[in-house]
Amino acid sequence: MSRISKKKAKERARENWDHWRLLLSDMGITYSDLDNMDQDDIAEANAALDIHIEQMNKNKSKK
């Protein structure tokens, strides 16, 4: 079984960042969830995450 190089893994991670971003967020999306989502669902989830981050930043600046 061959493994990809660290360079190739990093390239793939950047190419698939919209997926990894959701997995690494606190949204609770799993790898299986992502596997069941189409590109529109992934784009919408990323937009929702952006909105959530904006709202949290606004709430922090109000304090």
Protein backbone atom coordinates (compact mmCIF):
# COMPACT_ATOMS: atom_id res chain seq x y z
CA MET A 1 0.00 0.00 0.00
CA SER A 2 1.62 3.24 -1.08
CA ARG A 3 1.12 6.50 0.76
CA ILE A 4 0.91 9.91 -0.78
CA SER A 5 3.63 12.40 -0.02
CA LYS A 6 3.12 15.17 2.52
CA LYS A 7 3.24 17.66 -0.35
CA LYS A 8 0.50 15.84 -2.26
CA ALA A 9 -1.59 15.48 0.92
CA LYS A 10 -1.33 19.22 1.51
CA GLU A 11 -2.35 19.93 -2.09
CA ARG A 12 -5.37 17.65 -1.74
CA ALA A 13 -6.32 19.25 1.58
CA ARG A 14 -6.24 22.71 -0.04
CA GLU A 15 -8.31 21.47 -3.00
CA ASN A 16 -10.88 19.97 -0.64
CA TRP A 17 -10.75 22.72 1.99
CA ASP A 18 -14.49 23.36 1.76
CA HIS A 19 -15.01 19.79 3.04
CA TRP A 20 -12.24 19.81 5.64
CA ARG A 21 -13.33 23.19 6.98
CA LEU A 22 -16.72 21.75 7.87
CA LEU A 23 -15.21 18.67 9.49
CA LEU A 24 -12.83 20.78 11.57
CA SER A 25 -15.49 23.26 12.65
CA ASP A 26 -17.69 22.87 15.72
CA MET A 27 -20.75 22.21 13.57
CA GLY A 28 -20.69 18.49 14.28
CA ILE A 29 -20.61 17.46 10.62
CA THR A 30 -19.06 14.03 10.15
CA TYR A 31 -17.20 12.50 7.24
CA SER A 32 -20.30 10.38 6.58
CA ASP A 33 -22.46 13.52 6.55
CA LEU A 34 -20.17 15.07 3.96
CA ASP A 35 -20.28 11.92 1.86
CA ASN A 36 -24.08 12.30 1.67
CA MET A 37 -23.98 16.00 0.77
CA ASP A 38 -23.82 17.36 -2.76
CA GLN A 39 -21.73 20.38 -3.73
CA ASP A 40 -24.68 22.77 -3.18
CA ASP A 41 -25.17 21.43 0.36
CA ILE A 42 -21.45 21.84 1.09
CA ALA A 43 -21.47 25.39 -0.27
CA GLU A 44 -24.54 26.25 1.82
CA ALA A 45 -23.01 24.75 4.97
CA ASN A 46 -19.85 26.80 4.42
CA ALA A 47 -21.94 29.95 3.91
CA ALA A 48 -23.81 29.20 7.14
CA LEU A 49 -20.50 28.75 8.94
CA ASP A 50 -19.32 32.11 7.58
CA ILE A 51 -22.50 33.78 8.85
CA HIS A 52 -22.10 32.12 12.24
CA ILE A 53 -18.49 33.31 12.53
CA GLU A 54 -19.51 36.87 11.54
CA GLN A 55 -22.24 36.89 14.19
CA MET A 56 -19.89 35.60 16.86
CA ASN A 57 -17.32 38.25 15.95
CA LYS A 58 -19.99 40.97 16.15
CA ASN A 59 -21.06 39.72 19.58
CA LYS A 60 -17.45 39.75 20.77
CA SER A 61 -16.92 43.33 19.60
CA LYS A 62 -20.07 44.50 21.43
CA LYS A 63 -18.66 43.40 24.79
